[in-house]
Each structure stands twice: as structure tokens, then as C-alpha cells.
Amino acid sequence: MFVCRDCKQRKQACNQVRGKNWCKGCQKKYGARWTKMNPERKRAHEARYRATKPFEAKARKRQYYYRNVEHERARTRRWYAKTWLTHSLRAAKKRAHAKGIPFDICIEDITVPTVCPILGIQLKLGARDGLEDASPTIDRVIQERGYVKGNVVVISHRANTIKNSGTAEEHKKISEWMKSFGGGGV
């Protein structure tokens, strides 16, 4: 038994920090306070650790991920929900370059609806396993015009896929929507 220097409580020896006169709980609180007060030093320490022990750092990161897998997946989905439009635009620019079609849009040129304008389903960001039917995608209304202002809309992945393969009823809905858009289209 020993008396903790900080909390003044009697603790068992197994709760004592080795070589110190305080308990593990107080050590943890002290570490959290120190990190809050010295963020630059903490970042520098972590960078040195990663540089000198890259394999250990990677292993620790992997262990943390597997201990907190649900939390990390949810965090990734939240991050993707915030940044999907940027990533989608980057991918569209690559496709346009590869196909040799025009590209002159930016994030401000695109409005993201909450409901798919074609099928009327609620658009969902941050899908669990890649794209779902309700995931938003960037679409060229008239393919030949390319990714230019006024020709790009956000629709559901399902509506975008139907353009390649779908039922007659689904194609009819797309046709009606395209006519109302003003592109003439189908």
C-alpha cells in the first residue's frame, strides 16, 4: 500500500506508477493536462517516434484501429460525408481528361439535393460498403457536352446506373426528367 502524492488516497502497490509516488489514475490525468497545454511538443514527440520507429508506430495504429473498429468506421464515414464532393470532382476531372471531354466546373457550380431529382429517393452520404443505391453521384445530363456548368447534376447512384441498365419504367422516368431539365435528351 502507498499514499498517492496527488489524490492523497491509499492505493495498492499494483496501482503505483513505477518509480513515482502517484497512482496510475493521477498519472493519466496529468498526461492529459500536459498534452492539452503542450500540443506542439506532443506533435513533435509523435513525429520523432514515427520517424525512428516506423514499424512500431504502424503496429500501434493498427492495434488502436482494431480495438475501436466501429468508432473508426463511423469517423471515416463522417469524414467522407464532408469531403465526397471534392473527391467526386477530382475523379470526374480524371475521367474527362481520359475521355477528352471538356471540364470547367468547381464545387460552387454544383448544388447537392437531399432527394434524387429522378427517382425521388433520399440521398445518403457515407455508405457502409462503398456506393449504395442512394449514394449521390455526379452525372452529365448530355454526355457529349462534358462536365460543364449547367450540364452537371447530382443524382443517386441507382439513377446513374439505370442509364446503363434498367427497366423501361425507370428509363421513362429518366426521360421525363431530362425533358423537364431542358436538354431535350432522349
N, C-alpha and C. Protein backbone atom coordinates (compact mmCIF):
# COMPACT_ATOMS: atom_id res chain seq x y z
N MET A 1 0.84 -1.19 0.00
CA MET A 1 0.00 0.00 0.00
C MET A 1 0.89 1.24 0.00
N PHE A 2 0.35 2.28 -0.65
CA PHE A 2 1.06 3.56 -0.66
C PHE A 2 0.03 4.66 -0.72
N VAL A 3 0.44 5.89 -0.41
CA VAL A 3 -0.44 7.06 -0.47
C VAL A 3 -0.03 7.88 -1.69
N CYS A 4 -1.00 8.12 -2.59
CA CYS A 4 -0.73 8.88 -3.81
C CYS A 4 -0.40 10.32 -3.47
N ARG A 5 0.64 10.85 -4.10
CA ARG A 5 1.10 12.21 -3.85
C ARG A 5 0.04 13.23 -4.26
N ASP A 6 -0.75 12.95 -5.33
CA ASP A 6 -1.70 13.93 -5.83
C ASP A 6 -3.09 13.81 -5.19
N CYS A 7 -3.67 12.63 -5.25
CA CYS A 7 -5.05 12.49 -4.75
C CYS A 7 -5.12 12.15 -3.26
N LYS A 8 -3.96 11.85 -2.62
CA LYS A 8 -3.83 11.60 -1.17
C LYS A 8 -4.64 10.39 -0.70
N GLN A 9 -4.92 9.47 -1.62
CA GLN A 9 -5.66 8.28 -1.24
C GLN A 9 -4.70 7.10 -1.10
N ARG A 10 -5.09 6.16 -0.24
CA ARG A 10 -4.29 4.94 -0.08
C ARG A 10 -4.63 4.00 -1.24
N LYS A 11 -3.60 3.54 -1.93
CA LYS A 11 -3.79 2.67 -3.08
C LYS A 11 -2.93 1.43 -2.92
N GLN A 12 -3.31 0.37 -3.65
CA GLN A 12 -2.49 -0.83 -3.65
C GLN A 12 -1.24 -0.59 -4.49
N ALA A 13 -0.22 -1.32 -4.20
CA ALA A 13 1.07 -1.13 -4.87
C ALA A 13 0.96 -1.38 -6.37
N CYS A 14 0.03 -2.23 -6.81
CA CYS A 14 -0.10 -2.50 -8.24
C CYS A 14 -0.63 -1.29 -9.00
N ASN A 15 -1.22 -0.31 -8.31
CA ASN A 15 -1.72 0.90 -8.95
C ASN A 15 -0.70 2.03 -8.94
N GLN A 16 0.48 1.78 -8.41
CA GLN A 16 1.51 2.81 -8.34
C GLN A 16 2.29 2.86 -9.65
N VAL A 17 2.57 4.08 -10.14
CA VAL A 17 3.39 4.25 -11.32
C VAL A 17 4.82 3.92 -10.93
N ARG A 18 5.46 3.07 -11.73
CA ARG A 18 6.80 2.61 -11.39
C ARG A 18 7.78 3.78 -11.25
N GLY A 19 8.45 3.83 -10.12
CA GLY A 19 9.44 4.87 -9.87
C GLY A 19 8.86 6.20 -9.46
N LYS A 20 7.57 6.31 -9.34
CA LYS A 20 6.92 7.57 -8.96
C LYS A 20 6.09 7.34 -7.71
N ASN A 21 5.66 8.42 -7.11
CA ASN A 21 4.89 8.32 -5.89
C ASN A 21 3.44 8.74 -6.13
N TRP A 22 2.88 8.38 -7.29
CA TRP A 22 1.48 8.65 -7.55
C TRP A 22 0.83 7.47 -8.27
N CYS A 23 -0.50 7.48 -8.29
CA CYS A 23 -1.24 6.35 -8.84
C CYS A 23 -1.40 6.50 -10.36
N LYS A 24 -1.80 5.42 -10.99
CA LYS A 24 -1.95 5.42 -12.45
C LYS A 24 -3.05 6.37 -12.91
N GLY A 25 -4.12 6.49 -12.13
CA GLY A 25 -5.21 7.42 -12.48
C GLY A 25 -4.73 8.86 -12.51
N CYS A 26 -3.94 9.26 -11.49
CA CYS A 26 -3.41 10.62 -11.45
C CYS A 26 -2.39 10.84 -12.57
N GLN A 27 -1.62 9.80 -12.88
CA GLN A 27 -0.65 9.90 -13.99
C GLN A 27 -1.39 10.14 -15.30
N LYS A 28 -2.51 9.45 -15.49
CA LYS A 28 -3.29 9.62 -16.71
C LYS A 28 -3.85 11.04 -16.82
N LYS A 29 -4.39 11.56 -15.70
CA LYS A 29 -4.91 12.92 -15.68
C LYS A 29 -3.80 13.94 -15.96
N TYR A 30 -2.63 13.71 -15.37
CA TYR A 30 -1.50 14.61 -15.58
C TYR A 30 -1.10 14.59 -17.07
N GLY A 31 -1.05 13.41 -17.67
CA GLY A 31 -0.69 13.29 -19.08
C GLY A 31 -1.67 14.02 -19.98
N ALA A 32 -2.96 13.92 -19.66
CA ALA A 32 -3.98 14.60 -20.46
C ALA A 32 -3.83 16.12 -20.34
N ARG A 33 -3.57 16.62 -19.11
CA ARG A 33 -3.37 18.05 -18.90
C ARG A 33 -2.13 18.53 -19.66
N TRP A 34 -1.05 17.75 -19.55
CA TRP A 34 0.21 18.14 -20.20
C TRP A 34 0.02 18.20 -21.72
N THR A 35 -0.68 17.22 -22.29
CA THR A 35 -0.91 17.19 -23.73
C THR A 35 -1.73 18.40 -24.16
N LYS A 36 -2.72 18.78 -23.36
CA LYS A 36 -3.55 19.93 -23.69
C LYS A 36 -2.74 21.23 -23.65
N MET A 37 -1.82 21.31 -22.69
CA MET A 37 -1.04 22.53 -22.53
C MET A 37 0.16 22.59 -23.48
N ASN A 38 0.62 21.46 -24.01
CA ASN A 38 1.81 21.41 -24.87
C ASN A 38 1.53 20.67 -26.18
N PRO A 39 0.59 21.13 -26.99
CA PRO A 39 0.26 20.38 -28.21
C PRO A 39 1.41 20.30 -29.21
N GLU A 40 2.22 21.38 -29.30
CA GLU A 40 3.33 21.36 -30.27
C GLU A 40 4.37 20.33 -29.87
N ARG A 41 4.69 20.28 -28.56
CA ARG A 41 5.68 19.32 -28.09
C ARG A 41 5.18 17.89 -28.27
N LYS A 42 3.88 17.68 -28.05
CA LYS A 42 3.29 16.35 -28.23
C LYS A 42 3.38 15.92 -29.70
N ARG A 43 3.03 16.85 -30.63
CA ARG A 43 3.11 16.53 -32.05
C ARG A 43 4.55 16.24 -32.47
N ALA A 44 5.49 17.03 -31.94
CA ALA A 44 6.91 16.82 -32.27
C ALA A 44 7.37 15.46 -31.75
N HIS A 45 6.94 15.10 -30.54
CA HIS A 45 7.30 13.80 -29.97
C HIS A 45 6.75 12.67 -30.83
N GLU A 46 5.49 12.79 -31.24
CA GLU A 46 4.88 11.76 -32.07
C GLU A 46 5.58 11.65 -33.42
N ALA A 47 5.97 12.77 -34.00
CA ALA A 47 6.67 12.75 -35.28
C ALA A 47 8.03 12.07 -35.14
N ARG A 48 8.75 12.36 -34.04
CA ARG A 48 10.04 11.71 -33.80
C ARG A 48 9.85 10.21 -33.64
N TYR A 49 8.81 9.81 -32.90
CA TYR A 49 8.53 8.39 -32.68
C TYR A 49 8.26 7.69 -34.00
N ARG A 50 7.41 8.32 -34.85
CA ARG A 50 7.09 7.71 -36.15
C ARG A 50 8.32 7.62 -37.04
N ALA A 51 9.21 8.62 -36.94
CA ALA A 51 10.41 8.63 -37.78
C ALA A 51 11.43 7.59 -37.33
N THR A 52 11.58 7.42 -36.01
CA THR A 52 12.60 6.50 -35.51
C THR A 52 12.10 5.06 -35.41
N LYS A 53 10.79 4.89 -35.20
CA LYS A 53 10.23 3.54 -35.06
C LYS A 53 8.99 3.39 -35.93
N PRO A 54 9.17 3.39 -37.25
CA PRO A 54 8.00 3.36 -38.13
C PRO A 54 7.16 2.10 -38.00
N PHE A 55 7.81 0.95 -37.81
CA PHE A 55 7.05 -0.30 -37.72
C PHE A 55 6.23 -0.37 -36.44
N GLU A 56 6.83 0.08 -35.32
CA GLU A 56 6.11 0.09 -34.05
C GLU A 56 4.93 1.06 -34.11
N ALA A 57 5.16 2.24 -34.73
CA ALA A 57 4.10 3.23 -34.85
C ALA A 57 2.95 2.68 -35.67
N LYS A 58 3.28 2.01 -36.76
CA LYS A 58 2.24 1.43 -37.61
C LYS A 58 1.47 0.33 -36.88
N ALA A 59 2.20 -0.47 -36.11
CA ALA A 59 1.56 -1.55 -35.35
C ALA A 59 0.63 -0.98 -34.29
N ARG A 60 1.05 0.11 -33.62
CA ARG A 60 0.19 0.72 -32.60
C ARG A 60 -1.07 1.30 -33.23
N LYS A 61 -0.90 1.92 -34.39
CA LYS A 61 -2.05 2.49 -35.09
C LYS A 61 -3.03 1.38 -35.47
N ARG A 62 -2.49 0.27 -35.97
CA ARG A 62 -3.32 -0.87 -36.36
C ARG A 62 -4.04 -1.45 -35.14
N GLN A 63 -3.33 -1.59 -34.01
CA GLN A 63 -3.95 -2.11 -32.80
C GLN A 63 -5.08 -1.20 -32.35
N TYR A 64 -4.85 0.12 -32.38
CA TYR A 64 -5.89 1.06 -31.99
C TYR A 64 -7.11 0.89 -32.90
N TYR A 65 -6.87 0.78 -34.20
CA TYR A 65 -7.97 0.63 -35.15
C TYR A 65 -8.80 -0.60 -34.83
N TYR A 66 -8.14 -1.75 -34.60
CA TYR A 66 -8.89 -2.98 -34.36
C TYR A 66 -9.58 -3.00 -33.00
N ARG A 67 -9.04 -2.25 -32.04
CA ARG A 67 -9.74 -2.15 -30.75
C ARG A 67 -10.96 -1.25 -30.85
N ASN A 68 -10.94 -0.29 -31.77
CA ASN A 68 -12.01 0.70 -31.90
C ASN A 68 -12.58 0.71 -33.32
N VAL A 69 -12.79 -0.45 -33.88
CA VAL A 69 -13.14 -0.56 -35.29
C VAL A 69 -14.45 0.14 -35.64
N GLU A 70 -15.47 0.02 -34.82
CA GLU A 70 -16.76 0.67 -35.13
C GLU A 70 -16.63 2.19 -35.07
N HIS A 71 -15.92 2.68 -34.05
CA HIS A 71 -15.70 4.12 -33.92
C HIS A 71 -14.94 4.65 -35.13
N GLU A 72 -13.90 3.95 -35.55
CA GLU A 72 -13.08 4.38 -36.68
C GLU A 72 -13.86 4.34 -38.00
N ARG A 73 -14.70 3.34 -38.18
CA ARG A 73 -15.52 3.28 -39.39
C ARG A 73 -16.52 4.43 -39.43
N ALA A 74 -17.12 4.73 -38.28
CA ALA A 74 -18.05 5.85 -38.20
C ALA A 74 -17.33 7.17 -38.48
N ARG A 75 -16.12 7.31 -37.96
CA ARG A 75 -15.33 8.52 -38.18
C ARG A 75 -14.99 8.66 -39.67
N THR A 76 -14.66 7.56 -40.31
CA THR A 76 -14.35 7.59 -41.74
C THR A 76 -15.58 7.98 -42.54
N ARG A 77 -16.75 7.45 -42.17
CA ARG A 77 -17.98 7.80 -42.87
C ARG A 77 -18.30 9.28 -42.71
N ARG A 78 -18.10 9.82 -41.49
CA ARG A 78 -18.35 11.25 -41.27
C ARG A 78 -17.40 12.09 -42.12
N TRP A 79 -16.13 11.68 -42.19
CA TRP A 79 -15.14 12.41 -42.99
C TRP A 79 -15.53 12.36 -44.46
N TYR A 80 -15.94 11.20 -44.95
CA TYR A 80 -16.32 11.06 -46.35
C TYR A 80 -17.55 11.90 -46.67
N ALA A 81 -18.50 11.96 -45.74
CA ALA A 81 -19.70 12.75 -45.97
C ALA A 81 -19.35 14.23 -46.16
N LYS A 82 -18.29 14.69 -45.49
CA LYS A 82 -17.87 16.08 -45.63
C LYS A 82 -17.09 16.32 -46.91
N THR A 83 -16.37 15.33 -47.39
CA THR A 83 -15.43 15.56 -48.48
C THR A 83 -15.76 14.83 -49.78
N TRP A 84 -16.91 14.17 -49.86
CA TRP A 84 -17.20 13.34 -51.04
C TRP A 84 -17.27 14.16 -52.31
N LEU A 85 -17.78 15.40 -52.25
CA LEU A 85 -17.92 16.21 -53.45
C LEU A 85 -16.55 16.56 -54.03
N THR A 86 -15.60 16.88 -53.16
CA THR A 86 -14.24 17.17 -53.61
C THR A 86 -13.65 15.97 -54.32
N HIS A 87 -13.80 14.80 -53.70
CA HIS A 87 -13.26 13.57 -54.30
C HIS A 87 -13.98 13.22 -55.59
N SER A 88 -15.29 13.41 -55.63
CA SER A 88 -16.05 13.11 -56.84
C SER A 88 -15.64 14.03 -57.98
N LEU A 89 -15.42 15.31 -57.68
CA LEU A 89 -14.99 16.25 -58.72
C LEU A 89 -13.60 15.88 -59.25
N ARG A 90 -12.72 15.48 -58.36
CA ARG A 90 -11.38 15.08 -58.78
C ARG A 90 -11.45 13.86 -59.72
N ALA A 91 -12.29 12.90 -59.35
CA ALA A 91 -12.46 11.70 -60.18
C ALA A 91 -13.09 12.06 -61.53
N ALA A 92 -14.06 12.98 -61.52
CA ALA A 92 -14.70 13.40 -62.77
C ALA A 92 -13.70 14.11 -63.69
N LYS A 93 -12.83 14.89 -63.09
CA LYS A 93 -11.81 15.59 -63.88
C LYS A 93 -10.87 14.58 -64.55
N LYS A 94 -10.51 13.53 -63.82
CA LYS A 94 -9.66 12.47 -64.39
C LYS A 94 -10.38 11.78 -65.55
N ARG A 95 -11.67 11.46 -65.34
CA ARG A 95 -12.44 10.80 -66.41
C ARG A 95 -12.54 11.70 -67.64
N ALA A 96 -12.78 12.99 -67.41
CA ALA A 96 -12.90 13.93 -68.53
C ALA A 96 -11.60 14.01 -69.31
N HIS A 97 -10.50 14.05 -68.59
CA HIS A 97 -9.20 14.11 -69.26
C HIS A 97 -8.94 12.84 -70.07
N ALA A 98 -9.27 11.69 -69.49
CA ALA A 98 -9.06 10.41 -70.17
C ALA A 98 -9.93 10.29 -71.42
N LYS A 99 -11.18 10.81 -71.35
CA LYS A 99 -12.09 10.70 -72.49
C LYS A 99 -11.95 11.86 -73.47
N GLY A 100 -11.20 12.88 -73.07
CA GLY A 100 -11.02 14.04 -73.95
C GLY A 100 -12.25 14.91 -74.06
N ILE A 101 -13.02 15.02 -72.98
CA ILE A 101 -14.22 15.86 -72.98
C ILE A 101 -13.97 17.08 -72.09
N PRO A 102 -14.71 18.17 -72.30
CA PRO A 102 -14.48 19.39 -71.53
C PRO A 102 -14.79 19.23 -70.04
N PHE A 103 -14.05 19.99 -69.23
CA PHE A 103 -14.27 20.02 -67.78
C PHE A 103 -14.00 21.44 -67.31
N ASP A 104 -15.03 22.15 -66.84
CA ASP A 104 -14.80 23.50 -66.32
C ASP A 104 -15.74 23.83 -65.15
N ILE A 105 -15.89 22.88 -64.25
CA ILE A 105 -16.75 23.11 -63.09
C ILE A 105 -15.93 23.11 -61.81
N CYS A 106 -16.50 23.71 -60.78
CA CYS A 106 -15.87 23.68 -59.45
C CYS A 106 -16.99 23.40 -58.44
N ILE A 107 -16.63 23.30 -57.18
CA ILE A 107 -17.60 22.93 -56.14
C ILE A 107 -18.78 23.89 -56.10
N GLU A 108 -18.53 25.17 -56.31
CA GLU A 108 -19.60 26.18 -56.23
C GLU A 108 -20.64 25.99 -57.34
N ASP A 109 -20.27 25.34 -58.44
CA ASP A 109 -21.19 25.15 -59.57
C ASP A 109 -22.18 24.02 -59.35
N ILE A 110 -22.00 23.25 -58.29
CA ILE A 110 -22.83 22.07 -58.07
C ILE A 110 -23.69 22.25 -56.83
N THR A 111 -24.99 22.04 -57.01
CA THR A 111 -25.89 22.04 -55.86
C THR A 111 -26.23 20.59 -55.53
N VAL A 112 -26.15 20.27 -54.26
CA VAL A 112 -26.38 18.89 -53.82
C VAL A 112 -27.77 18.81 -53.19
N PRO A 113 -28.70 18.13 -53.86
CA PRO A 113 -30.05 18.00 -53.29
C PRO A 113 -30.07 16.94 -52.19
N THR A 114 -31.12 16.93 -51.40
CA THR A 114 -31.26 15.89 -50.37
C THR A 114 -32.00 14.68 -50.93
N VAL A 115 -32.73 14.90 -52.02
CA VAL A 115 -33.51 13.83 -52.66
C VAL A 115 -33.08 13.73 -54.12
N CYS A 116 -32.98 12.52 -54.63
CA CYS A 116 -32.62 12.31 -56.04
C CYS A 116 -33.70 12.94 -56.92
N PRO A 117 -33.33 13.84 -57.83
CA PRO A 117 -34.35 14.50 -58.65
C PRO A 117 -35.03 13.57 -59.64
N ILE A 118 -34.46 12.41 -59.90
CA ILE A 118 -35.05 11.48 -60.87
C ILE A 118 -35.96 10.46 -60.18
N LEU A 119 -35.41 9.73 -59.23
CA LEU A 119 -36.16 8.63 -58.61
C LEU A 119 -36.87 9.04 -57.32
N GLY A 120 -36.54 10.20 -56.79
CA GLY A 120 -37.21 10.67 -55.59
C GLY A 120 -36.78 9.98 -54.31
N ILE A 121 -35.63 9.32 -54.30
CA ILE A 121 -35.16 8.65 -53.08
C ILE A 121 -34.21 9.58 -52.32
N GLN A 122 -34.20 9.43 -51.01
CA GLN A 122 -33.35 10.24 -50.14
C GLN A 122 -31.88 9.90 -50.41
N LEU A 123 -31.05 10.91 -50.67
CA LEU A 123 -29.63 10.68 -50.90
C LEU A 123 -28.92 10.50 -49.56
N LYS A 124 -28.05 9.49 -49.47
CA LYS A 124 -27.34 9.19 -48.23
C LYS A 124 -25.84 9.25 -48.48
N LEU A 125 -25.15 9.99 -47.64
CA LEU A 125 -23.69 10.07 -47.71
C LEU A 125 -23.08 9.12 -46.71
N GLY A 126 -21.84 8.72 -46.96
CA GLY A 126 -21.12 7.88 -46.00
C GLY A 126 -21.66 6.47 -45.92
N ALA A 127 -21.85 5.85 -47.04
CA ALA A 127 -22.36 4.48 -47.08
C ALA A 127 -21.40 3.53 -46.39
N ARG A 128 -21.91 2.43 -45.86
CA ARG A 128 -21.07 1.47 -45.15
C ARG A 128 -20.07 0.78 -46.05
N ASP A 129 -20.53 0.26 -47.16
CA ASP A 129 -19.65 -0.51 -48.04
C ASP A 129 -19.65 0.09 -49.45
N GLY A 130 -18.91 1.16 -49.64
CA GLY A 130 -18.82 1.78 -50.95
C GLY A 130 -20.11 2.46 -51.34
N LEU A 131 -20.47 2.38 -52.61
CA LEU A 131 -21.67 3.05 -53.11
C LEU A 131 -22.92 2.20 -52.87
N GLU A 132 -23.95 2.86 -52.42
CA GLU A 132 -25.27 2.24 -52.29
C GLU A 132 -26.17 2.87 -53.35
N ASP A 133 -27.37 2.35 -53.50
CA ASP A 133 -28.31 2.92 -54.47
C ASP A 133 -28.60 4.39 -54.17
N ALA A 134 -28.62 4.76 -52.91
CA ALA A 134 -28.97 6.13 -52.52
C ALA A 134 -27.75 7.05 -52.40
N SER A 135 -26.58 6.56 -52.76
CA SER A 135 -25.38 7.41 -52.69
C SER A 135 -25.43 8.46 -53.79
N PRO A 136 -25.04 9.70 -53.50
CA PRO A 136 -25.04 10.73 -54.54
C PRO A 136 -23.88 10.55 -55.51
N THR A 137 -24.13 10.84 -56.78
CA THR A 137 -23.08 10.79 -57.80
C THR A 137 -23.23 11.99 -58.73
N ILE A 138 -22.13 12.36 -59.36
CA ILE A 138 -22.15 13.47 -60.32
C ILE A 138 -22.47 12.88 -61.69
N ASP A 139 -23.42 13.51 -62.40
CA ASP A 139 -23.83 12.99 -63.70
C ASP A 139 -23.84 14.09 -64.75
N ARG A 140 -23.46 13.73 -65.96
CA ARG A 140 -23.56 14.64 -67.10
C ARG A 140 -24.93 14.39 -67.74
N VAL A 141 -25.76 15.42 -67.82
CA VAL A 141 -27.09 15.25 -68.39
C VAL A 141 -26.99 14.89 -69.87
N ILE A 142 -26.23 15.67 -70.62
CA ILE A 142 -25.98 15.37 -72.03
C ILE A 142 -24.51 14.99 -72.12
N GLN A 143 -24.28 13.72 -72.41
CA GLN A 143 -22.94 13.15 -72.32
C GLN A 143 -21.90 13.90 -73.15
N GLU A 144 -22.26 14.31 -74.36
CA GLU A 144 -21.29 14.90 -75.27
C GLU A 144 -20.78 16.26 -74.81
N ARG A 145 -21.58 16.99 -74.05
CA ARG A 145 -21.18 18.32 -73.59
C ARG A 145 -20.05 18.27 -72.56
N GLY A 146 -19.95 17.16 -71.86
CA GLY A 146 -18.91 17.02 -70.84
C GLY A 146 -19.31 17.61 -69.51
N TYR A 147 -18.31 17.82 -68.66
CA TYR A 147 -18.54 18.36 -67.31
C TYR A 147 -18.43 19.87 -67.37
N VAL A 148 -19.51 20.51 -67.83
CA VAL A 148 -19.53 21.96 -67.93
C VAL A 148 -20.71 22.49 -67.11
N LYS A 149 -20.66 23.78 -66.79
CA LYS A 149 -21.72 24.40 -65.99
C LYS A 149 -23.06 24.23 -66.69
N GLY A 150 -24.07 23.85 -65.92
CA GLY A 150 -25.40 23.67 -66.47
C GLY A 150 -25.66 22.27 -67.01
N ASN A 151 -24.63 21.46 -67.14
CA ASN A 151 -24.80 20.11 -67.68
C ASN A 151 -24.51 19.05 -66.63
N VAL A 152 -24.20 19.47 -65.42
CA VAL A 152 -23.83 18.53 -64.37
C VAL A 152 -24.82 18.63 -63.22
N VAL A 153 -25.32 17.47 -62.79
CA VAL A 153 -26.24 17.42 -61.66
C VAL A 153 -25.84 16.28 -60.73
N VAL A 154 -26.33 16.35 -59.51
CA VAL A 154 -26.10 15.27 -58.55
C VAL A 154 -27.37 14.43 -58.49
N ILE A 155 -27.22 13.14 -58.80
CA ILE A 155 -28.34 12.20 -58.74
C ILE A 155 -27.89 10.97 -57.96
N SER A 156 -28.82 10.08 -57.67
CA SER A 156 -28.48 8.87 -56.93
C SER A 156 -27.66 7.91 -57.80
N HIS A 157 -26.91 7.07 -57.14
CA HIS A 157 -26.11 6.07 -57.85
C HIS A 157 -27.02 5.15 -58.66
N ARG A 158 -28.18 4.82 -58.11
CA ARG A 158 -29.14 3.95 -58.81
C ARG A 158 -29.60 4.58 -60.12
N ALA A 159 -29.95 5.88 -60.06
CA ALA A 159 -30.41 6.56 -61.27
C ALA A 159 -29.29 6.62 -62.31
N ASN A 160 -28.08 6.82 -61.83
CA ASN A 160 -26.93 6.87 -62.74
C ASN A 160 -26.69 5.50 -63.37
N THR A 161 -26.87 4.44 -62.59
CA THR A 161 -26.66 3.08 -63.08
C THR A 161 -27.76 2.68 -64.06
N ILE A 162 -28.98 3.13 -63.81
CA ILE A 162 -30.12 2.79 -64.67
C ILE A 162 -29.88 3.25 -66.10
N LYS A 163 -29.15 4.34 -66.24
CA LYS A 163 -28.86 4.84 -67.58
C LYS A 163 -28.11 3.78 -68.40
N ASN A 164 -27.38 2.92 -67.70
CA ASN A 164 -26.66 1.84 -68.39
C ASN A 164 -27.51 0.58 -68.50
N SER A 165 -28.24 0.28 -67.43
CA SER A 165 -29.09 -0.92 -67.44
C SER A 165 -30.26 -0.69 -66.50
N GLY A 166 -31.46 -0.78 -67.01
CA GLY A 166 -32.63 -0.57 -66.17
C GLY A 166 -33.89 -1.00 -66.89
N THR A 167 -35.02 -0.91 -66.17
CA THR A 167 -36.30 -1.30 -66.75
C THR A 167 -36.85 -0.15 -67.60
N ALA A 168 -37.84 -0.45 -68.42
CA ALA A 168 -38.45 0.56 -69.27
C ALA A 168 -39.09 1.67 -68.44
N GLU A 169 -39.70 1.29 -67.32
CA GLU A 169 -40.34 2.27 -66.44
C GLU A 169 -39.31 3.24 -65.87
N GLU A 170 -38.15 2.71 -65.46
CA GLU A 170 -37.10 3.57 -64.91
C GLU A 170 -36.52 4.48 -65.99
N HIS A 171 -36.37 3.95 -67.19
CA HIS A 171 -35.87 4.77 -68.30
C HIS A 171 -36.87 5.87 -68.65
N LYS A 172 -38.15 5.56 -68.53
CA LYS A 172 -39.18 6.56 -68.82
C LYS A 172 -39.08 7.71 -67.81
N LYS A 173 -38.87 7.38 -66.54
CA LYS A 173 -38.71 8.43 -65.52
C LYS A 173 -37.51 9.31 -65.84
N ILE A 174 -36.42 8.69 -66.24
CA ILE A 174 -35.22 9.45 -66.59
C ILE A 174 -35.50 10.35 -67.79
N SER A 175 -36.21 9.80 -68.79
CA SER A 175 -36.53 10.56 -69.99
C SER A 175 -37.40 11.78 -69.65
N GLU A 176 -38.40 11.58 -68.81
CA GLU A 176 -39.26 12.70 -68.42
C GLU A 176 -38.47 13.76 -67.66
N TRP A 177 -37.60 13.32 -66.80
CA TRP A 177 -36.78 14.28 -66.04
C TRP A 177 -35.85 15.07 -66.97
N MET A 178 -35.22 14.37 -67.92
CA MET A 178 -34.29 15.03 -68.84
C MET A 178 -35.03 16.06 -69.70
N LYS A 179 -36.25 15.74 -70.13
CA LYS A 179 -37.03 16.70 -70.91
C LYS A 179 -37.37 17.93 -70.08
N SER A 180 -37.71 17.71 -68.80
CA SER A 180 -38.03 18.85 -67.93
C SER A 180 -36.78 19.68 -67.62
N PHE A 181 -35.61 19.07 -67.71
CA PHE A 181 -34.35 19.79 -67.47
C PHE A 181 -34.07 20.78 -68.60
N GLY A 182 -34.55 20.45 -69.78
CA GLY A 182 -34.36 21.36 -70.91
C GLY A 182 -33.29 20.90 -71.88
N GLY A 183 -32.73 19.72 -71.63
CA GLY A 183 -31.68 19.24 -72.51
C GLY A 183 -32.21 18.51 -73.73
N GLY A 184 -33.51 18.34 -73.83
CA GLY A 184 -34.05 17.60 -74.96
C GLY A 184 -33.81 16.12 -74.77
N GLY A 185 -32.56 15.77 -74.74
CA GLY A 185 -32.12 14.42 -74.38
C GLY A 185 -32.70 13.31 -75.22
N VAL A 186 -33.49 12.47 -74.58
CA VAL A 186 -33.92 11.19 -75.17
C VAL A 186 -35.00 11.36 -76.19
